[in-house]
């Protein structure tokens, strides 16, 4: 009888605790994983949207995430983004598992963000989150797995938080998470203090940004990979174009984890998402799934 290929649904993916996803990202980078060696994502235009293809390889697996983006799905009451992740054995290249790729993205993106910045947070940070979607919620869940926020203010397009309350929250914020589809800066960064940490993960397009150039100019900017950031991270690309930021000062997560000095002052982590991250977390999910059987 042929082996049945396991399908790990969202519950199986989220069975990996967020703190373990963070630890998996950190362990991979400490072990020498080189994000710059990865294959850039490719985008395939489709009649009703597009498909992203994100392959990666480790010593034990090869994997690929297929992501579809259907702008018209909102009118249908369906998710705009859908994804599947397939793992293959690295030696035989036989399929090992299929995972819910949307859940995997929801788990791995905040794991990467917090791997980049959690060591710089106070023990009880005051947090502002722009966006109430899966990534906003995922970042809060991962943050709460590591520290206990003193306060959380969630700002959405529905306007539940008034301008005065939003401004006060930003002035007091230790951390600001930007997880939106915005094409232009979400707030005036002059409101932020000198110890503020901003996470921006809403886009991977050079003409979209959530954070203004002025914040890049005064912050230490951490990215996943320099070349990827200068190709995809609009927040960084537009700040460079405005002569507000020197790309030579970019730090990577690996730099930070391996002990590179980080100047005092504000920090921006700009993430665009890379295929190696999906593979690292998918392997951790599969290991936990197998151990629970």
Protein backbone atom coordinates (compact mmCIF):
# COMPACT_ATOMS: atom_id res chain seq x y z
CA UNK A 1 0.00 0.00 0.00
CA UNK A 2 1.32 3.44 -0.93
CA UNK A 3 2.19 5.83 1.89
CA UNK A 4 -0.49 8.42 2.54
CA UNK A 5 0.94 11.91 2.23
CA UNK A 6 0.04 13.81 5.42
CA UNK A 7 -1.84 17.08 5.12
CA UNK A 8 -1.26 19.43 8.03
CA UNK A 9 -4.19 21.80 8.35
CA UNK A 10 -4.25 25.13 10.18
CA UNK A 11 -4.75 23.46 13.56
CA UNK A 12 -1.71 21.28 12.96
CA UNK A 13 0.38 24.28 11.93
CA UNK A 14 -0.70 26.39 14.91
CA UNK A 15 0.06 23.48 17.25
CA UNK A 16 3.65 24.75 17.06
CA UNK A 17 3.81 27.39 19.81
CA UNK A 18 4.83 30.85 18.56
CA UNK A 19 7.87 30.91 20.84
CA UNK A 20 9.08 27.67 19.24
CA UNK A 21 8.69 29.21 15.79
CA UNK A 22 10.84 32.15 16.92
CA UNK A 23 13.41 29.73 18.33
CA UNK A 24 13.48 27.76 15.06
CA UNK A 25 14.25 30.92 13.06
CA UNK A 26 16.98 31.93 15.50
CA UNK A 27 18.50 28.45 15.58
CA UNK A 28 18.66 28.25 11.78
CA UNK A 29 20.48 31.58 11.54
CA UNK A 30 22.83 30.72 14.41
CA UNK A 31 23.63 27.47 12.59
CA UNK A 32 24.83 29.44 9.58
CA UNK A 33 21.83 29.61 7.26
CA UNK A 34 22.56 32.29 4.64
CA UNK A 35 19.39 34.10 3.52
CA UNK A 36 21.26 35.70 0.62
CA UNK A 37 21.80 32.26 -0.94
CA UNK A 38 18.07 31.70 -1.38
CA UNK A 39 16.10 31.86 -4.62
CA UNK A 40 14.02 35.05 -4.94
CA UNK A 41 10.28 34.59 -5.08
CA UNK A 42 8.78 34.65 -8.57
CA UNK A 43 5.40 36.00 -9.54
CA UNK A 44 3.25 34.46 -12.24
CA UNK A 45 0.41 36.62 -13.63
CA UNK A 46 -2.95 34.88 -13.83
CA UNK A 47 -6.22 35.98 -15.43
CA UNK A 48 -7.80 36.72 -12.06
CA UNK A 49 -4.77 37.61 -9.98
CA UNK A 50 -1.29 36.21 -9.53
CA UNK A 51 0.66 33.29 -8.09
CA UNK A 52 3.86 33.53 -6.07
CA UNK A 53 6.34 30.65 -6.11
CA UNK A 54 8.73 30.42 -3.15
CA UNK A 55 11.20 27.46 -3.19
CA UNK A 56 13.90 26.69 -0.63
CA UNK A 57 16.20 23.84 0.41
CA UNK A 58 17.81 22.70 3.66
CA UNK A 59 19.90 19.71 4.60
CA UNK A 60 16.80 17.60 5.24
CA UNK A 61 14.08 18.98 3.01
CA UNK A 62 13.24 20.93 -0.08
CA UNK A 63 10.03 22.92 0.02
CA UNK A 64 7.92 25.28 -2.01
CA UNK A 65 5.08 27.60 -1.10
CA UNK A 66 2.50 28.43 -3.74
CA UNK A 67 0.56 31.59 -2.93
CA UNK A 68 -2.39 32.84 -4.95
CA UNK A 69 -3.57 36.45 -4.75
CA UNK A 70 -7.10 37.05 -6.00
CA UNK A 71 -8.11 40.72 -5.62
CA UNK A 72 -11.71 39.92 -6.61
CA UNK A 73 -12.21 37.49 -3.75
CA UNK A 74 -13.26 40.23 -1.35
CA UNK A 75 -16.48 40.67 -3.35
CA UNK A 76 -17.04 36.91 -3.17
CA UNK A 77 -16.58 36.78 0.59
CA UNK A 78 -13.44 34.70 0.15
CA UNK A 79 -9.84 35.22 1.34
CA UNK A 80 -7.73 37.38 -0.96
CA UNK A 81 -4.64 35.24 -0.30
CA UNK A 82 -4.51 31.43 -0.29
CA UNK A 83 -1.48 29.16 -0.07
CA UNK A 84 -0.20 25.59 0.14
CA UNK A 85 3.23 24.43 1.25
CA UNK A 86 4.79 21.18 0.05
CA UNK A 87 7.78 19.55 1.75
CA UNK A 88 10.01 17.01 -0.03
CA UNK A 89 12.73 14.78 1.35
CA UNK A 90 16.06 16.40 0.47
CA UNK A 91 17.70 13.17 -0.73
CA UNK A 92 14.93 11.20 -2.45
CA UNK A 93 12.90 14.30 -3.38
CA UNK A 94 9.75 12.34 -2.54
CA UNK A 95 6.90 14.39 -1.05
CA UNK A 96 6.94 14.37 2.75
CA UNK A 97 3.94 16.54 3.67
CA UNK A 98 1.59 19.27 2.53
CA UNK A 99 0.80 22.12 4.89
CA UNK A 100 -1.79 24.87 5.00
CA UNK A 101 0.39 27.61 3.55
CA UNK A 102 -1.76 30.49 4.75
CA UNK A 103 -1.49 29.31 8.35
CA UNK A 104 2.24 28.76 7.88
CA UNK A 105 2.67 32.36 6.71
CA UNK A 106 0.63 33.62 9.66
CA UNK A 107 2.94 31.72 12.04
CA UNK A 108 6.33 32.36 10.42
CA UNK A 109 6.03 36.09 9.66
CA UNK A 110 5.73 37.24 13.28
CA UNK A 111 8.32 34.64 14.29
CA UNK A 112 10.80 36.33 11.98
CA UNK A 113 9.84 39.82 13.19
CA UNK A 114 10.23 38.94 16.85
CA UNK A 115 13.46 37.05 16.20
CA UNK A 116 14.78 40.36 14.87
CA UNK A 117 13.74 42.64 17.71
CA UNK A 118 12.47 40.91 20.85
CA UNK A 119 15.78 41.26 22.69
CA UNK A 120 15.45 45.05 22.49
CA UNK A 121 11.98 45.20 24.07
CA UNK A 122 11.23 46.22 27.65
CA UNK A 123 9.60 43.56 29.82
CA UNK A 124 6.16 45.17 29.58
CA UNK A 125 6.02 47.07 26.28
CA UNK A 126 3.27 49.46 25.26
CA UNK A 127 2.19 48.26 21.83
CA UNK A 128 0.35 49.78 18.88
CA UNK A 129 -0.81 47.53 16.03
CA UNK A 130 -1.99 48.83 12.68
CA UNK A 131 -4.22 46.17 11.13
CA UNK A 132 -6.58 43.62 12.67
CA UNK A 133 -6.03 40.87 10.11
CA UNK A 134 -4.12 37.60 10.54
CA UNK A 135 -0.71 39.26 10.66
CA UNK A 136 -1.74 41.85 13.23
CA UNK A 137 -3.23 39.13 15.41
CA UNK A 138 -0.29 36.81 14.75
CA UNK A 139 2.25 39.40 15.83
CA UNK A 140 0.32 40.02 19.04
CA UNK A 141 0.12 36.29 19.78
CA UNK A 142 3.85 35.84 19.20
CA UNK A 143 4.71 38.92 21.24
CA UNK A 144 2.56 37.67 24.13
CA UNK A 145 4.40 34.35 24.02
CA UNK A 146 7.62 36.23 24.80
CA UNK A 147 6.59 39.19 26.99
CA UNK A 148 3.47 40.62 28.64
CA UNK A 149 2.46 43.92 27.01
CA UNK A 150 1.48 46.72 29.37
CA UNK A 151 -1.05 47.95 26.83
CA UNK A 152 -2.21 47.19 23.29
CA UNK A 153 -3.91 49.64 20.95
CA UNK A 154 -5.19 48.23 17.65
CA UNK A 155 -5.78 50.82 14.92
CA UNK A 156 -7.86 49.86 11.88
CA UNK A 157 -9.51 51.57 8.93
CA UNK A 158 -12.87 51.28 10.67
CA UNK A 159 -11.80 54.12 12.94
CA UNK A 160 -12.59 52.53 16.31
CA UNK A 161 -9.60 54.42 17.71
CA UNK A 162 -9.94 58.19 17.31
CA UNK A 163 -7.10 60.43 16.09
CA UNK A 164 -6.35 61.78 19.57
CA UNK A 165 -6.19 58.32 21.13
CA UNK A 166 -4.04 57.03 18.26
CA UNK A 167 -1.60 59.94 18.61
CA UNK A 168 -1.29 59.42 22.36
CA UNK A 169 -0.71 55.70 21.90
CA UNK A 170 2.01 56.32 19.31
CA UNK A 171 3.78 58.86 21.53
CA UNK A 172 3.90 56.31 24.35
CA UNK A 173 4.61 53.23 22.21
CA UNK A 174 7.57 50.95 22.77
CA UNK A 175 6.57 48.86 19.75
CA UNK A 176 4.51 49.60 16.65
CA UNK A 177 3.45 46.76 14.35
CA UNK A 178 2.42 47.67 10.80
CA UNK A 179 0.56 44.78 9.15
CA UNK A 180 -1.62 46.39 6.50
CA UNK A 181 -2.08 46.71 2.76
CA UNK A 182 -1.30 50.45 2.91
CA UNK A 183 0.62 51.99 0.04
CA UNK A 184 1.68 55.12 1.97
CA UNK A 185 2.95 55.80 5.53
CA UNK A 186 0.42 55.02 8.23
CA UNK A 187 1.51 57.70 10.71
CA UNK A 188 3.87 60.60 11.29
CA UNK A 189 7.00 59.03 12.74
CA UNK A 190 7.82 62.28 14.58
CA UNK A 191 5.30 61.06 17.16
CA UNK A 192 7.54 58.14 18.13
CA UNK A 193 10.04 58.25 20.94
CA UNK A 194 13.76 57.57 20.73
CA UNK A 195 13.41 53.96 21.94
CA UNK A 196 10.51 52.96 19.70
CA UNK A 197 10.67 49.72 17.74
CA UNK A 198 8.66 49.51 14.53
CA UNK A 199 7.89 46.28 12.66
CA UNK A 200 6.65 46.73 9.08
CA UNK A 201 5.53 43.59 7.23
CA UNK A 202 2.59 44.68 5.10
CA UNK A 203 4.16 44.60 1.65
CA UNK A 204 6.98 43.28 -0.53
CA UNK A 205 6.63 45.87 -3.29
CA UNK A 206 9.04 48.74 -3.97
CA UNK A 207 6.22 51.25 -4.45
CA UNK A 208 4.41 50.46 -1.19
CA UNK A 209 5.44 51.46 2.33
CA UNK A 210 3.94 51.76 5.79
CA UNK A 211 6.70 53.83 7.43
CA UNK A 212 7.98 57.22 6.35
CA UNK A 213 11.51 58.05 5.23
CA UNK A 214 12.08 60.22 8.28
CA UNK A 215 11.91 57.19 10.56
CA UNK A 216 14.38 55.27 8.40
CA UNK A 217 16.68 58.28 8.65
CA UNK A 218 16.86 58.12 12.46
CA UNK A 219 16.44 54.40 13.07
CA UNK A 220 18.67 51.35 12.92
CA UNK A 221 17.10 49.40 10.06
CA UNK A 222 17.12 45.60 10.28
CA UNK A 223 16.13 43.43 7.31
CA UNK A 224 16.12 39.74 6.40
CA UNK A 225 18.64 40.14 3.59
CA UNK A 226 20.18 43.29 2.13
CA UNK A 227 19.69 42.48 -1.56
CA UNK A 228 16.10 41.38 -0.99
CA UNK A 229 15.31 44.54 0.94
CA UNK A 230 16.77 46.76 -1.78
CA UNK A 231 14.68 44.89 -4.34
CA UNK A 232 11.35 44.51 -2.49
CA UNK A 233 11.14 46.66 0.66
CA UNK A 234 9.41 49.87 -0.35
CA UNK A 235 9.93 51.44 3.07
CA UNK A 236 13.70 51.15 2.56
CA UNK A 237 13.81 51.72 -1.20
CA UNK A 238 11.83 54.95 -1.03
CA UNK A 239 13.90 56.27 1.87
CA UNK A 240 17.08 55.60 -0.14
CA UNK A 241 15.56 57.32 -3.18
CA UNK A 242 14.80 60.37 -1.03
CA UNK A 243 18.44 60.47 0.16
CA UNK A 244 17.14 59.95 3.70
CA UNK A 245 18.83 56.60 4.31
CA UNK A 246 22.20 55.05 3.54
CA UNK A 247 21.68 51.41 2.46
CA UNK A 248 25.22 50.64 3.58
CA UNK A 249 24.01 50.86 7.19
CA UNK A 250 21.45 48.04 6.85
CA UNK A 251 21.77 45.24 9.39
CA UNK A 252 20.35 41.76 8.88
CA UNK A 253 18.67 39.55 11.47
CA UNK A 254 21.67 37.23 11.20
CA UNK A 255 24.00 40.16 11.96
CA UNK A 256 22.02 40.96 15.09
CA UNK A 257 21.81 37.37 16.29
CA UNK A 258 25.53 36.89 15.75
CA UNK A 259 26.41 39.88 17.90
CA UNK A 260 26.66 42.90 15.60
CA UNK A 261 26.39 46.10 17.66
CA UNK A 262 23.04 47.87 17.42
CA UNK A 263 23.20 51.61 18.17
CA UNK A 264 20.91 52.99 20.83
CA UNK A 265 17.83 54.69 19.46
CA UNK A 266 14.80 53.67 17.44
CA UNK A 267 14.73 50.43 15.43
CA UNK A 268 12.86 49.51 12.26
CA UNK A 269 12.50 45.90 11.23
CA UNK A 270 11.30 45.73 7.64
CA UNK A 271 10.27 42.25 6.54
CA UNK A 272 9.18 41.19 3.07
CA UNK A 273 9.04 37.43 3.67
CA UNK A 274 11.51 34.93 2.24
CA UNK A 275 11.23 31.28 1.26
CA UNK A 276 13.83 30.02 3.76
CA UNK A 277 11.60 31.18 6.61
CA UNK A 278 8.68 29.04 5.45
CA UNK A 279 10.95 26.00 5.17
CA UNK A 280 12.46 26.45 8.64
CA UNK A 281 9.08 26.78 10.33
CA UNK A 282 7.46 24.06 8.18
CA UNK A 283 10.17 21.63 9.31
CA UNK A 284 9.51 22.54 12.94
CA UNK A 285 5.76 22.07 12.42
CA UNK A 286 6.30 18.67 10.80
CA UNK A 287 8.64 17.53 13.59
CA UNK A 288 6.05 18.43 16.22
CA UNK A 289 3.27 16.78 14.20
CA UNK A 290 5.21 13.53 13.93
CA UNK A 291 6.15 13.53 17.61
CA UNK A 292 2.48 13.92 18.59
CA UNK A 293 1.30 10.92 16.57
